[in-house]
Amino acid sequence: MFDEESLFNVFSGETTDNFDDVKDDEILDDVEEEIQPVTKRRNEDDSLNDQDGKKLKVENKELQKFREDVAQQPTPIVADTFEQETSRQVANIAGLQGQPTVAEGEQIVLSHQVRHQVAVPPNYPYVPISQHVPPADPARTYPFTLDPFQRVAVSSIERNESVLVSAHTSAGKTVVAEYAIAQCLKNKQRVIYTSPIKALSNQKYREFTE
């Protein structure tokens, strides 16, 4: 049997611990190194939040100023508006219809619609197009009666207003262009005329110089 002393004598020596080898200063240094990056990240996040807050304030001020400027601008007033539908007969030509149902040379009916609307600032001295008085010496005359859209466009040109004409083939857009060119030449202005093909440009140039 083993006695109590011999039982514990199996351990050749006394156990030693090394816990005291790690100094308290080293532990504190490690803790401080861990705390510093966290604190640095927090400071960076706070700085970014401050920048975002300042940027948001600037954007809000700019948006508020824009809204104030818009509110101070005068609201346009519709001074003139009308709509008219009409139709005319023209000779059918190749390419005028996608799927021709009328033989070439026969008369076909083309329908078109005229929409006219003018919005001007308050107190603007605008005269409705229906009250327009043509000049005594027009820039160009025609041996036929103008269609409604041609008449409106020509009247606008005579009033030195901008005109945009969008219409189907053979509707008579060239008539409006010719009047605009004639008025520019009458006022000693330069004109630039473009067309889809060179042959048509040469043809129109000859017609204008005759």
N, C-alpha and C. Protein backbone atom coordinates (compact mmCIF):
# COMPACT_ATOMS: atom_id res chain seq x y z
N MET A 1 0.83 -1.19 0.00
CA MET A 1 0.00 0.00 0.00
C MET A 1 0.86 1.23 0.00
N PHE A 2 0.38 2.23 -0.66
CA PHE A 2 1.13 3.49 -0.72
C PHE A 2 0.65 4.40 0.37
N ASP A 3 1.64 4.98 1.00
CA ASP A 3 1.22 5.97 1.97
C ASP A 3 0.96 7.29 1.28
N GLU A 4 0.52 8.21 2.02
CA GLU A 4 0.10 9.50 1.44
C GLU A 4 1.26 10.25 0.86
N GLU A 5 2.44 10.16 1.48
CA GLU A 5 3.60 10.89 0.98
C GLU A 5 4.12 10.27 -0.30
N SER A 6 4.19 8.89 -0.30
CA SER A 6 4.69 8.24 -1.51
C SER A 6 3.75 8.43 -2.68
N LEU A 7 2.48 8.57 -2.41
CA LEU A 7 1.52 8.77 -3.49
C LEU A 7 1.78 10.06 -4.23
N PHE A 8 2.09 11.10 -3.49
CA PHE A 8 2.32 12.39 -4.12
C PHE A 8 3.74 12.57 -4.56
N ASN A 9 4.60 11.60 -4.24
CA ASN A 9 5.99 11.70 -4.67
C ASN A 9 6.18 11.30 -6.12
N VAL A 10 5.13 10.83 -6.78
CA VAL A 10 5.27 10.46 -8.19
C VAL A 10 5.63 11.67 -9.02
N PHE A 11 5.27 12.83 -8.53
CA PHE A 11 5.67 14.05 -9.22
C PHE A 11 7.08 14.38 -8.80
N SER A 12 7.96 14.37 -9.74
CA SER A 12 9.38 14.50 -9.43
C SER A 12 9.72 15.84 -8.82
N GLY A 13 9.00 16.83 -9.17
CA GLY A 13 9.31 18.15 -8.65
C GLY A 13 8.07 18.95 -8.41
N GLU A 14 8.30 20.07 -7.88
CA GLU A 14 7.17 20.95 -7.63
C GLU A 14 6.70 21.60 -8.92
N THR A 15 5.42 21.72 -9.02
CA THR A 15 4.86 22.37 -10.22
C THR A 15 5.09 23.86 -10.13
N THR A 16 5.43 24.39 -11.24
CA THR A 16 5.66 25.84 -11.31
C THR A 16 4.73 26.44 -12.34
N ASP A 17 4.24 27.60 -12.07
CA ASP A 17 3.39 28.31 -13.04
C ASP A 17 4.16 29.48 -13.60
N ASN A 18 3.81 29.83 -14.84
CA ASN A 18 4.48 30.94 -15.55
C ASN A 18 3.56 32.14 -15.72
N PHE A 19 2.51 32.17 -14.93
CA PHE A 19 1.56 33.26 -15.10
C PHE A 19 2.15 34.60 -14.73
N ASP A 20 3.10 34.52 -13.79
CA ASP A 20 3.71 35.77 -13.37
C ASP A 20 4.70 36.31 -14.38
N ASP A 21 5.02 35.46 -15.43
CA ASP A 21 6.00 35.91 -16.42
C ASP A 21 5.43 37.03 -17.28
N VAL A 22 4.11 37.02 -17.51
CA VAL A 22 3.47 38.05 -18.31
C VAL A 22 3.19 39.25 -17.44
N LYS A 23 3.80 40.33 -17.79
CA LYS A 23 3.68 41.53 -16.98
C LYS A 23 2.36 42.24 -17.25
N ASP A 24 1.92 42.94 -16.25
CA ASP A 24 0.66 43.67 -16.38
C ASP A 24 0.75 44.74 -17.46
N ASP A 25 1.91 45.34 -17.66
CA ASP A 25 2.07 46.38 -18.67
C ASP A 25 1.85 45.83 -20.07
N GLU A 26 2.34 44.60 -20.30
CA GLU A 26 2.17 44.01 -21.63
C GLU A 26 0.69 43.74 -21.91
N ILE A 27 -0.02 43.30 -20.90
CA ILE A 27 -1.46 43.05 -21.08
C ILE A 27 -2.17 44.36 -21.40
N LEU A 28 -1.83 45.41 -20.70
CA LEU A 28 -2.46 46.71 -20.95
C LEU A 28 -2.14 47.22 -22.34
N ASP A 29 -0.90 46.98 -22.81
CA ASP A 29 -0.52 47.42 -24.15
C ASP A 29 -1.37 46.72 -25.20
N ASP A 30 -1.58 45.40 -25.03
CA ASP A 30 -2.39 44.66 -25.99
C ASP A 30 -3.82 45.17 -26.00
N VAL A 31 -4.35 45.45 -24.83
CA VAL A 31 -5.72 45.95 -24.76
C VAL A 31 -5.83 47.32 -25.41
N GLU A 32 -4.83 48.17 -25.18
CA GLU A 32 -4.86 49.49 -25.79
C GLU A 32 -4.76 49.41 -27.30
N GLU A 33 -3.94 48.47 -27.81
CA GLU A 33 -3.83 48.31 -29.26
C GLU A 33 -5.15 47.88 -29.87
N GLU A 34 -5.91 47.06 -29.15
CA GLU A 34 -7.21 46.63 -29.66
C GLU A 34 -8.23 47.75 -29.59
N ILE A 35 -8.13 48.56 -28.55
CA ILE A 35 -9.11 49.64 -28.38
C ILE A 35 -8.87 50.76 -29.37
N GLN A 36 -7.62 51.05 -29.68
CA GLN A 36 -7.31 52.17 -30.58
C GLN A 36 -7.91 51.98 -31.97
N PRO A 37 -7.76 50.79 -32.63
CA PRO A 37 -8.40 50.65 -33.95
C PRO A 37 -9.90 50.82 -33.90
N VAL A 38 -10.53 50.30 -32.85
CA VAL A 38 -11.98 50.45 -32.74
C VAL A 38 -12.35 51.91 -32.60
N THR A 39 -11.60 52.63 -31.75
CA THR A 39 -11.87 54.06 -31.57
C THR A 39 -11.63 54.84 -32.86
N LYS A 40 -10.58 54.44 -33.60
CA LYS A 40 -10.27 55.12 -34.87
C LYS A 40 -11.38 54.91 -35.87
N ARG A 41 -11.91 53.67 -35.94
CA ARG A 41 -13.02 53.41 -36.86
C ARG A 41 -14.25 54.21 -36.49
N ARG A 42 -14.49 54.32 -35.19
CA ARG A 42 -15.65 55.09 -34.75
C ARG A 42 -15.49 56.56 -35.12
N ASN A 43 -14.27 57.08 -34.94
CA ASN A 43 -14.03 58.48 -35.31
C ASN A 43 -14.22 58.69 -36.80
N GLU A 44 -13.75 57.72 -37.62
CA GLU A 44 -13.93 57.83 -39.07
C GLU A 44 -15.40 57.79 -39.43
N ASP A 45 -16.15 56.88 -38.78
CA ASP A 45 -17.59 56.81 -39.05
C ASP A 45 -18.28 58.10 -38.66
N ASP A 46 -17.89 58.66 -37.50
CA ASP A 46 -18.50 59.93 -37.08
C ASP A 46 -18.17 61.05 -38.06
N SER A 47 -16.92 61.04 -38.58
CA SER A 47 -16.53 62.06 -39.55
C SER A 47 -17.33 61.93 -40.83
N LEU A 48 -17.52 60.67 -41.30
CA LEU A 48 -18.32 60.45 -42.51
C LEU A 48 -19.76 60.87 -42.29
N ASN A 49 -20.29 60.57 -41.11
CA ASN A 49 -21.66 60.97 -40.82
C ASN A 49 -21.80 62.49 -40.81
N ASP A 50 -20.78 63.16 -40.25
CA ASP A 50 -20.81 64.63 -40.25
C ASP A 50 -20.77 65.18 -41.67
N GLN A 51 -19.92 64.57 -42.52
CA GLN A 51 -19.84 65.02 -43.91
C GLN A 51 -21.15 64.77 -44.64
N ASP A 52 -21.75 63.59 -44.42
CA ASP A 52 -23.03 63.30 -45.06
C ASP A 52 -24.10 64.27 -44.58
N GLY A 53 -24.06 64.60 -43.28
CA GLY A 53 -25.03 65.54 -42.76
C GLY A 53 -24.87 66.92 -43.37
N LYS A 54 -23.62 67.39 -43.51
CA LYS A 54 -23.38 68.69 -44.14
C LYS A 54 -23.81 68.68 -45.60
N LYS A 55 -23.48 67.56 -46.30
CA LYS A 55 -23.86 67.46 -47.71
C LYS A 55 -25.36 67.46 -47.86
N LEU A 56 -26.06 66.76 -46.96
CA LEU A 56 -27.51 66.72 -47.01
C LEU A 56 -28.10 68.11 -46.76
N LYS A 57 -27.50 68.86 -45.83
CA LYS A 57 -27.99 70.21 -45.56
C LYS A 57 -27.80 71.11 -46.78
N VAL A 58 -26.65 70.97 -47.45
CA VAL A 58 -26.39 71.78 -48.65
C VAL A 58 -27.39 71.43 -49.74
N GLU A 59 -27.65 70.11 -49.93
CA GLU A 59 -28.60 69.70 -50.95
C GLU A 59 -30.00 70.21 -50.62
N ASN A 60 -30.37 70.15 -49.35
CA ASN A 60 -31.68 70.65 -48.96
C ASN A 60 -31.80 72.15 -49.22
N LYS A 61 -30.73 72.90 -48.96
CA LYS A 61 -30.75 74.34 -49.22
C LYS A 61 -30.88 74.62 -50.71
N GLU A 62 -30.12 73.86 -51.52
CA GLU A 62 -30.20 74.05 -52.97
C GLU A 62 -31.58 73.69 -53.48
N LEU A 63 -32.15 72.59 -52.98
CA LEU A 63 -33.49 72.20 -53.40
C LEU A 63 -34.52 73.24 -52.99
N GLN A 64 -34.39 73.78 -51.79
CA GLN A 64 -35.31 74.81 -51.34
C GLN A 64 -35.18 76.07 -52.19
N LYS A 65 -33.96 76.44 -52.53
CA LYS A 65 -33.74 77.62 -53.38
C LYS A 65 -34.33 77.40 -54.77
N PHE A 66 -34.16 76.18 -55.31
CA PHE A 66 -34.73 75.87 -56.62
C PHE A 66 -36.25 75.97 -56.60
N ARG A 67 -36.86 75.44 -55.55
CA ARG A 67 -38.31 75.51 -55.45
C ARG A 67 -38.78 76.96 -55.31
N GLU A 68 -38.04 77.76 -54.57
CA GLU A 68 -38.41 79.17 -54.44
C GLU A 68 -38.30 79.89 -55.77
N ASP A 69 -37.24 79.58 -56.55
CA ASP A 69 -37.08 80.21 -57.86
C ASP A 69 -38.21 79.81 -58.79
N VAL A 70 -38.58 78.52 -58.75
CA VAL A 70 -39.68 78.05 -59.60
C VAL A 70 -40.99 78.72 -59.21
N ALA A 71 -41.21 78.86 -57.90
CA ALA A 71 -42.45 79.48 -57.43
C ALA A 71 -42.53 80.95 -57.83
N GLN A 72 -41.38 81.61 -57.94
CA GLN A 72 -41.38 83.03 -58.30
C GLN A 72 -41.54 83.26 -59.80
N GLN A 73 -41.30 82.21 -60.60
CA GLN A 73 -41.44 82.38 -62.04
C GLN A 73 -42.91 82.51 -62.42
N PRO A 74 -43.21 83.36 -63.38
CA PRO A 74 -44.61 83.53 -63.79
C PRO A 74 -45.13 82.29 -64.50
N THR A 75 -46.37 81.97 -64.23
CA THR A 75 -47.00 80.81 -64.87
C THR A 75 -47.45 81.20 -66.28
N PRO A 76 -47.04 80.41 -67.31
CA PRO A 76 -47.46 80.74 -68.67
C PRO A 76 -48.98 80.70 -68.81
N ILE A 77 -49.47 81.58 -69.65
CA ILE A 77 -50.90 81.67 -69.91
C ILE A 77 -51.15 81.25 -71.35
N VAL A 78 -52.11 80.35 -71.54
CA VAL A 78 -52.49 79.94 -72.89
C VAL A 78 -53.25 81.09 -73.53
N ALA A 79 -52.61 81.74 -74.49
CA ALA A 79 -53.19 82.94 -75.09
C ALA A 79 -53.95 82.64 -76.38
N ASP A 80 -53.66 81.50 -76.99
CA ASP A 80 -54.29 81.22 -78.28
C ASP A 80 -54.28 79.71 -78.50
N THR A 81 -55.42 79.18 -78.87
CA THR A 81 -55.49 77.74 -79.14
C THR A 81 -56.69 77.45 -80.04
N PHE A 82 -56.48 76.59 -80.99
CA PHE A 82 -57.59 76.11 -81.82
C PHE A 82 -57.16 74.83 -82.52
N GLU A 83 -58.12 74.11 -83.02
CA GLU A 83 -57.89 72.85 -83.71
C GLU A 83 -58.83 72.76 -84.90
N GLN A 84 -58.31 72.31 -86.02
CA GLN A 84 -59.10 72.28 -87.25
C GLN A 84 -58.71 71.06 -88.07
N GLU A 85 -59.71 70.42 -88.63
CA GLU A 85 -59.49 69.27 -89.50
C GLU A 85 -59.93 69.64 -90.92
N THR A 86 -59.20 69.14 -91.88
CA THR A 86 -59.53 69.40 -93.28
C THR A 86 -58.99 68.28 -94.14
N SER A 87 -59.31 68.30 -95.39
CA SER A 87 -58.85 67.27 -96.33
C SER A 87 -58.65 67.90 -97.69
N ARG A 88 -57.89 67.23 -98.52
CA ARG A 88 -57.64 67.72 -99.87
C ARG A 88 -57.43 66.54 -100.79
N GLN A 89 -57.67 66.77 -102.06
CA GLN A 89 -57.46 65.74 -103.08
C GLN A 89 -56.14 66.01 -103.80
N VAL A 90 -55.35 64.95 -103.92
CA VAL A 90 -54.08 65.05 -104.64
C VAL A 90 -53.95 63.85 -105.54
N ALA A 91 -53.11 63.99 -106.55
CA ALA A 91 -52.87 62.88 -107.47
C ALA A 91 -51.97 61.85 -106.79
N ASN A 92 -52.33 60.61 -106.92
CA ASN A 92 -51.54 59.54 -106.32
C ASN A 92 -50.22 59.38 -107.06
N ILE A 93 -49.14 59.27 -106.30
CA ILE A 93 -47.82 59.07 -106.89
C ILE A 93 -47.19 57.85 -106.23
N ALA A 94 -46.18 57.32 -106.89
CA ALA A 94 -45.51 56.13 -106.37
C ALA A 94 -44.88 56.42 -105.01
N GLY A 95 -45.14 55.55 -104.05
CA GLY A 95 -44.57 55.70 -102.73
C GLY A 95 -45.41 56.52 -101.78
N LEU A 96 -46.52 57.09 -102.25
CA LEU A 96 -47.35 57.91 -101.38
C LEU A 96 -48.10 57.05 -100.37
N GLN A 97 -48.49 55.84 -100.80
CA GLN A 97 -49.20 54.93 -99.93
C GLN A 97 -48.37 53.67 -99.72
N GLY A 98 -48.44 53.13 -98.51
CA GLY A 98 -47.69 51.91 -98.24
C GLY A 98 -48.20 50.76 -99.09
N GLN A 99 -49.52 50.56 -99.11
CA GLN A 99 -50.15 49.55 -99.95
C GLN A 99 -51.16 50.26 -100.85
N PRO A 100 -50.73 50.64 -102.04
CA PRO A 100 -51.60 51.44 -102.91
C PRO A 100 -52.90 50.73 -103.25
N THR A 101 -54.02 51.42 -103.00
CA THR A 101 -55.34 50.91 -103.38
C THR A 101 -55.91 51.70 -104.54
N VAL A 102 -55.21 52.79 -104.91
CA VAL A 102 -55.64 53.63 -106.03
C VAL A 102 -54.52 53.65 -107.05
N ALA A 103 -54.88 53.55 -108.31
CA ALA A 103 -53.87 53.54 -109.37
C ALA A 103 -53.13 54.87 -109.40
N GLU A 104 -51.87 54.81 -109.84
CA GLU A 104 -51.07 56.02 -109.89
C GLU A 104 -51.67 57.02 -110.87
N GLY A 105 -51.77 58.25 -110.47
CA GLY A 105 -52.34 59.31 -111.29
C GLY A 105 -53.77 59.65 -110.90
N GLU A 106 -54.48 58.73 -110.27
CA GLU A 106 -55.84 59.01 -109.83
C GLU A 106 -55.84 59.85 -108.56
N GLN A 107 -56.96 60.48 -108.29
CA GLN A 107 -57.08 61.37 -107.15
C GLN A 107 -57.34 60.57 -105.86
N ILE A 108 -56.64 60.96 -104.81
CA ILE A 108 -56.89 60.37 -103.50
C ILE A 108 -57.12 61.51 -102.51
N VAL A 109 -57.80 61.21 -101.44
CA VAL A 109 -58.14 62.21 -100.43
C VAL A 109 -57.19 62.07 -99.25
N LEU A 110 -56.54 63.15 -98.91
CA LEU A 110 -55.64 63.18 -97.76
C LEU A 110 -56.25 64.06 -96.68
N SER A 111 -56.38 63.51 -95.49
CA SER A 111 -56.93 64.26 -94.37
C SER A 111 -55.80 64.69 -93.44
N HIS A 112 -55.92 65.87 -92.90
CA HIS A 112 -54.93 66.33 -91.94
C HIS A 112 -55.60 67.22 -90.90
N GLN A 113 -54.92 67.39 -89.82
CA GLN A 113 -55.45 68.13 -88.68
C GLN A 113 -54.44 69.19 -88.25
N VAL A 114 -54.95 70.35 -87.93
CA VAL A 114 -54.10 71.46 -87.51
C VAL A 114 -54.37 71.74 -86.03
N ARG A 115 -53.32 71.71 -85.23
CA ARG A 115 -53.41 72.08 -83.81
C ARG A 115 -52.50 73.28 -83.57
N HIS A 116 -53.05 74.29 -82.98
CA HIS A 116 -52.27 75.50 -82.72
C HIS A 116 -52.51 75.93 -81.28
N GLN A 117 -51.42 76.09 -80.54
CA GLN A 117 -51.54 76.53 -79.15
C GLN A 117 -50.33 77.37 -78.80
N VAL A 118 -50.56 78.46 -78.14
CA VAL A 118 -49.49 79.39 -77.75
C VAL A 118 -49.62 79.68 -76.27
N ALA A 119 -48.51 79.52 -75.54
CA ALA A 119 -48.44 79.88 -74.12
C ALA A 119 -47.40 80.98 -73.96
N VAL A 120 -47.78 82.06 -73.33
CA VAL A 120 -46.90 83.22 -73.18
C VAL A 120 -46.86 83.63 -71.72
N PRO A 121 -45.83 84.38 -71.31
CA PRO A 121 -45.77 84.90 -69.93
C PRO A 121 -46.88 85.91 -69.69
N PRO A 122 -47.23 86.13 -68.43
CA PRO A 122 -48.26 87.15 -68.13
C PRO A 122 -47.85 88.53 -68.65
N ASN A 123 -48.85 89.27 -69.09
CA ASN A 123 -48.67 90.65 -69.58
C ASN A 123 -47.86 90.71 -70.87
N TYR A 124 -47.73 89.59 -71.57
CA TYR A 124 -47.02 89.60 -72.85
C TYR A 124 -47.97 90.09 -73.94
N PRO A 125 -47.55 91.06 -74.75
CA PRO A 125 -48.46 91.62 -75.77
C PRO A 125 -48.61 90.69 -76.97
N TYR A 126 -49.38 89.63 -76.80
CA TYR A 126 -49.55 88.66 -77.88
C TYR A 126 -50.88 88.90 -78.59
N VAL A 127 -50.82 88.85 -79.91
CA VAL A 127 -52.03 88.99 -80.73
C VAL A 127 -52.39 87.61 -81.27
N PRO A 128 -53.60 87.11 -81.02
CA PRO A 128 -53.98 85.78 -81.52
C PRO A 128 -53.78 85.67 -83.03
N ILE A 129 -53.45 84.47 -83.46
CA ILE A 129 -53.17 84.25 -84.88
C ILE A 129 -54.40 84.53 -85.74
N SER A 130 -55.58 84.36 -85.15
CA SER A 130 -56.81 84.62 -85.91
C SER A 130 -56.98 86.11 -86.21
N GLN A 131 -56.31 86.97 -85.43
CA GLN A 131 -56.39 88.42 -85.65
C GLN A 131 -55.20 88.96 -86.44
N HIS A 132 -54.39 88.06 -86.96
CA HIS A 132 -53.21 88.49 -87.72
C HIS A 132 -53.63 89.15 -89.03
N VAL A 133 -53.00 90.27 -89.33
CA VAL A 133 -53.26 90.99 -90.58
C VAL A 133 -52.06 90.79 -91.50
N PRO A 134 -52.24 90.13 -92.65
CA PRO A 134 -51.11 89.90 -93.56
C PRO A 134 -50.53 91.22 -94.04
N PRO A 135 -49.24 91.25 -94.32
CA PRO A 135 -48.62 92.49 -94.81
C PRO A 135 -49.13 92.85 -96.20
N ALA A 136 -49.08 94.14 -96.51
CA ALA A 136 -49.54 94.58 -97.83
C ALA A 136 -48.64 94.06 -98.93
N ASP A 137 -47.37 93.87 -98.63
CA ASP A 137 -46.41 93.36 -99.61
C ASP A 137 -45.82 92.05 -99.09
N PRO A 138 -46.52 90.91 -99.28
CA PRO A 138 -46.02 89.64 -98.76
C PRO A 138 -44.73 89.22 -99.45
N ALA A 139 -43.97 88.42 -98.78
CA ALA A 139 -42.70 87.95 -99.34
C ALA A 139 -42.91 87.05 -100.55
N ARG A 140 -44.05 86.37 -100.60
CA ARG A 140 -44.31 85.45 -101.71
C ARG A 140 -45.82 85.26 -101.82
N THR A 141 -46.30 85.15 -103.03
CA THR A 141 -47.72 84.91 -103.28
C THR A 141 -47.89 83.59 -104.01
N TYR A 142 -49.07 83.01 -103.88
CA TYR A 142 -49.35 81.71 -104.50
C TYR A 142 -50.64 81.81 -105.31
N PRO A 143 -50.68 81.10 -106.42
CA PRO A 143 -51.89 81.16 -107.26
C PRO A 143 -53.00 80.23 -106.77
N PHE A 144 -52.91 79.76 -105.56
CA PHE A 144 -53.92 78.84 -105.01
C PHE A 144 -54.15 79.23 -103.54
N THR A 145 -55.23 78.67 -103.00
CA THR A 145 -55.57 78.95 -101.61
C THR A 145 -54.78 78.02 -100.69
N LEU A 146 -54.18 78.59 -99.70
CA LEU A 146 -53.38 77.79 -98.78
C LEU A 146 -54.27 76.94 -97.89
N ASP A 147 -53.76 75.76 -97.56
CA ASP A 147 -54.45 74.90 -96.60
C ASP A 147 -54.39 75.54 -95.21
N PRO A 148 -55.24 75.07 -94.29
CA PRO A 148 -55.23 75.67 -92.94
C PRO A 148 -53.86 75.65 -92.28
N PHE A 149 -53.16 74.52 -92.33
CA PHE A 149 -51.86 74.47 -91.66
C PHE A 149 -50.84 75.35 -92.37
N GLN A 150 -50.96 75.47 -93.71
CA GLN A 150 -50.06 76.36 -94.44
C GLN A 150 -50.34 77.81 -94.08
N ARG A 151 -51.61 78.14 -93.95
CA ARG A 151 -51.98 79.52 -93.63
C ARG A 151 -51.50 79.90 -92.23
N VAL A 152 -51.66 78.99 -91.28
CA VAL A 152 -51.20 79.26 -89.91
C VAL A 152 -49.69 79.38 -89.87
N ALA A 153 -48.99 78.49 -90.57
CA ALA A 153 -47.52 78.53 -90.57
C ALA A 153 -47.01 79.80 -91.22
N VAL A 154 -47.60 80.18 -92.35
CA VAL A 154 -47.17 81.40 -93.05
C VAL A 154 -47.44 82.63 -92.19
N SER A 155 -48.59 82.66 -91.53
CA SER A 155 -48.90 83.80 -90.66
C SER A 155 -47.90 83.89 -89.51
N SER A 156 -47.51 82.75 -88.97
CA SER A 156 -46.51 82.75 -87.89
C SER A 156 -45.17 83.25 -88.40
N ILE A 157 -44.81 82.85 -89.61
CA ILE A 157 -43.54 83.32 -90.19
C ILE A 157 -43.58 84.83 -90.39
N GLU A 158 -44.71 85.34 -90.85
CA GLU A 158 -44.84 86.79 -91.04
C GLU A 158 -44.73 87.54 -89.71
N ARG A 159 -45.04 86.88 -88.63
CA ARG A 159 -44.94 87.50 -87.30
C ARG A 159 -43.59 87.22 -86.64
N ASN A 160 -42.65 86.67 -87.43
CA ASN A 160 -41.30 86.35 -86.94
C ASN A 160 -41.32 85.35 -85.78
N GLU A 161 -42.22 84.39 -85.86
CA GLU A 161 -42.30 83.34 -84.85
C GLU A 161 -41.69 82.05 -85.40
N SER A 162 -41.21 81.22 -84.51
CA SER A 162 -40.64 79.94 -84.92
C SER A 162 -41.76 78.99 -85.35
N VAL A 163 -41.46 78.19 -86.36
CA VAL A 163 -42.47 77.29 -86.92
C VAL A 163 -41.86 75.92 -87.14
N LEU A 164 -42.57 74.89 -86.73
CA LEU A 164 -42.20 73.51 -87.00
C LEU A 164 -43.36 72.84 -87.70
N VAL A 165 -43.12 72.33 -88.91
CA VAL A 165 -44.17 71.69 -89.70
C VAL A 165 -43.85 70.21 -89.82
N SER A 166 -44.77 69.38 -89.41
CA SER A 166 -44.63 67.93 -89.54
C SER A 166 -45.89 67.42 -90.21
N ALA A 167 -45.75 66.88 -91.40
CA ALA A 167 -46.91 66.42 -92.16
C ALA A 167 -46.49 65.31 -93.10
N HIS A 168 -47.48 64.62 -93.64
CA HIS A 168 -47.22 63.48 -94.52
C HIS A 168 -46.73 63.96 -95.89
N THR A 169 -46.34 63.03 -96.72
CA THR A 169 -45.85 63.35 -98.06
C THR A 169 -46.94 64.03 -98.88
N SER A 170 -46.52 65.03 -99.65
CA SER A 170 -47.42 65.80 -100.54
C SER A 170 -48.44 66.63 -99.77
N ALA A 171 -48.20 66.88 -98.49
CA ALA A 171 -49.14 67.70 -97.72
C ALA A 171 -48.96 69.18 -98.00
N GLY A 172 -47.78 69.57 -98.50
CA GLY A 172 -47.54 70.97 -98.81
C GLY A 172 -46.56 71.64 -97.86
N LYS A 173 -45.65 70.86 -97.31
CA LYS A 173 -44.65 71.45 -96.40
C LYS A 173 -43.70 72.38 -97.13
N THR A 174 -43.40 72.06 -98.39
CA THR A 174 -42.45 72.87 -99.15
C THR A 174 -42.97 74.30 -99.34
N VAL A 175 -44.28 74.46 -99.43
CA VAL A 175 -44.86 75.79 -99.58
C VAL A 175 -44.47 76.67 -98.39
N VAL A 176 -44.53 76.10 -97.21
CA VAL A 176 -44.16 76.85 -96.01
C VAL A 176 -42.67 77.18 -96.03
N ALA A 177 -41.86 76.20 -96.43
CA ALA A 177 -40.41 76.43 -96.49
C ALA A 177 -40.08 77.53 -97.50
N GLU A 178 -40.75 77.50 -98.64
CA GLU A 178 -40.50 78.52 -99.66
C GLU A 178 -40.85 79.92 -99.15
N TYR A 179 -41.94 80.01 -98.40
CA TYR A 179 -42.30 81.33 -97.89
C TYR A 179 -41.28 81.81 -96.86
N ALA A 180 -40.82 80.91 -96.01
CA ALA A 180 -39.81 81.29 -95.02
C ALA A 180 -38.53 81.74 -95.71
N ILE A 181 -38.14 81.04 -96.77
CA ILE A 181 -36.93 81.42 -97.51
C ILE A 181 -37.13 82.79 -98.17
N ALA A 182 -38.30 82.99 -98.77
CA ALA A 182 -38.57 84.26 -99.44
C ALA A 182 -38.53 85.42 -98.46
N GLN A 183 -39.07 85.22 -97.27
CA GLN A 183 -39.05 86.31 -96.29
C GLN A 183 -37.64 86.58 -95.81
N CYS A 184 -36.83 85.54 -95.62
CA CYS A 184 -35.44 85.74 -95.20
C CYS A 184 -34.67 86.52 -96.26
N LEU A 185 -34.85 86.14 -97.53
CA LEU A 185 -34.15 86.85 -98.61
C LEU A 185 -34.63 88.30 -98.70
N LYS A 186 -35.91 88.50 -98.43
CA LYS A 186 -36.44 89.86 -98.46
C LYS A 186 -35.80 90.72 -97.37
N ASN A 187 -35.50 90.09 -96.24
CA ASN A 187 -34.87 90.81 -95.13
C ASN A 187 -33.34 90.77 -95.18
N LYS A 188 -32.80 90.37 -96.34
CA LYS A 188 -31.34 90.31 -96.54
C LYS A 188 -30.66 89.34 -95.55
N GLN A 189 -31.31 88.22 -95.32
CA GLN A 189 -30.77 87.22 -94.41
C GLN A 189 -30.26 86.01 -95.19
N ARG A 190 -29.38 85.26 -94.56
CA ARG A 190 -28.83 84.06 -95.19
C ARG A 190 -29.74 82.87 -94.91
N VAL A 191 -29.85 81.98 -95.90
CA VAL A 191 -30.75 80.83 -95.79
C VAL A 191 -29.97 79.55 -96.05
N ILE A 192 -30.21 78.54 -95.24
CA ILE A 192 -29.63 77.21 -95.46
C ILE A 192 -30.79 76.25 -95.67
N TYR A 193 -30.84 75.66 -96.86
CA TYR A 193 -31.93 74.74 -97.21
C TYR A 193 -31.34 73.35 -97.41
N THR A 194 -31.91 72.37 -96.75
CA THR A 194 -31.45 70.99 -96.89
C THR A 194 -32.59 70.12 -97.41
N SER A 195 -32.22 69.04 -98.09
CA SER A 195 -33.20 68.10 -98.62
C SER A 195 -32.60 66.70 -98.57
N PRO A 196 -33.45 65.67 -98.68
CA PRO A 196 -32.94 64.30 -98.58
C PRO A 196 -31.96 63.91 -99.68
N ILE A 197 -32.13 64.47 -100.88
CA ILE A 197 -31.27 64.08 -102.01
C ILE A 197 -30.70 65.33 -102.68
N LYS A 198 -29.53 65.17 -103.29
CA LYS A 198 -28.84 66.29 -103.92
C LYS A 198 -29.62 66.83 -105.11
N ALA A 199 -30.26 65.93 -105.88
CA ALA A 199 -31.01 66.36 -107.07
C ALA A 199 -32.13 67.32 -106.68
N LEU A 200 -32.81 67.03 -105.57
CA LEU A 200 -33.89 67.91 -105.13
C LEU A 200 -33.34 69.26 -104.67
N SER A 201 -32.20 69.24 -104.02
CA SER A 201 -31.58 70.51 -103.61
C SER A 201 -31.23 71.37 -104.81
N ASN A 202 -30.64 70.74 -105.84
CA ASN A 202 -30.30 71.48 -107.06
C ASN A 202 -31.55 72.03 -107.74
N GLN A 203 -32.63 71.22 -107.74
CA GLN A 203 -33.87 71.67 -108.36
C GLN A 203 -34.43 72.88 -107.64
N LYS A 204 -34.46 72.83 -106.32
CA LYS A 204 -34.99 73.95 -105.55
C LYS A 204 -34.10 75.19 -105.69
N TYR A 205 -32.81 74.98 -105.80
CA TYR A 205 -31.90 76.12 -105.98
C TYR A 205 -32.19 76.82 -107.30
N ARG A 206 -32.42 76.04 -108.35
CA ARG A 206 -32.75 76.65 -109.65
C ARG A 206 -34.07 77.40 -109.57
N GLU A 207 -35.05 76.82 -108.87
CA GLU A 207 -36.34 77.48 -108.76
C GLU A 207 -36.23 78.79 -107.97
N PHE A 208 -35.42 78.81 -106.93
CA PHE A 208 -35.29 80.01 -106.12
C PHE A 208 -34.53 81.12 -106.84
N THR A 209 -33.64 80.74 -107.74
CA THR A 209 -32.83 81.74 -108.45
C THR A 209 -33.49 82.23 -109.73
N GLU A 210 -34.58 81.63 -110.14
CA GLU A 210 -35.25 82.07 -111.37
C GLU A 210 -35.98 83.40 -111.15
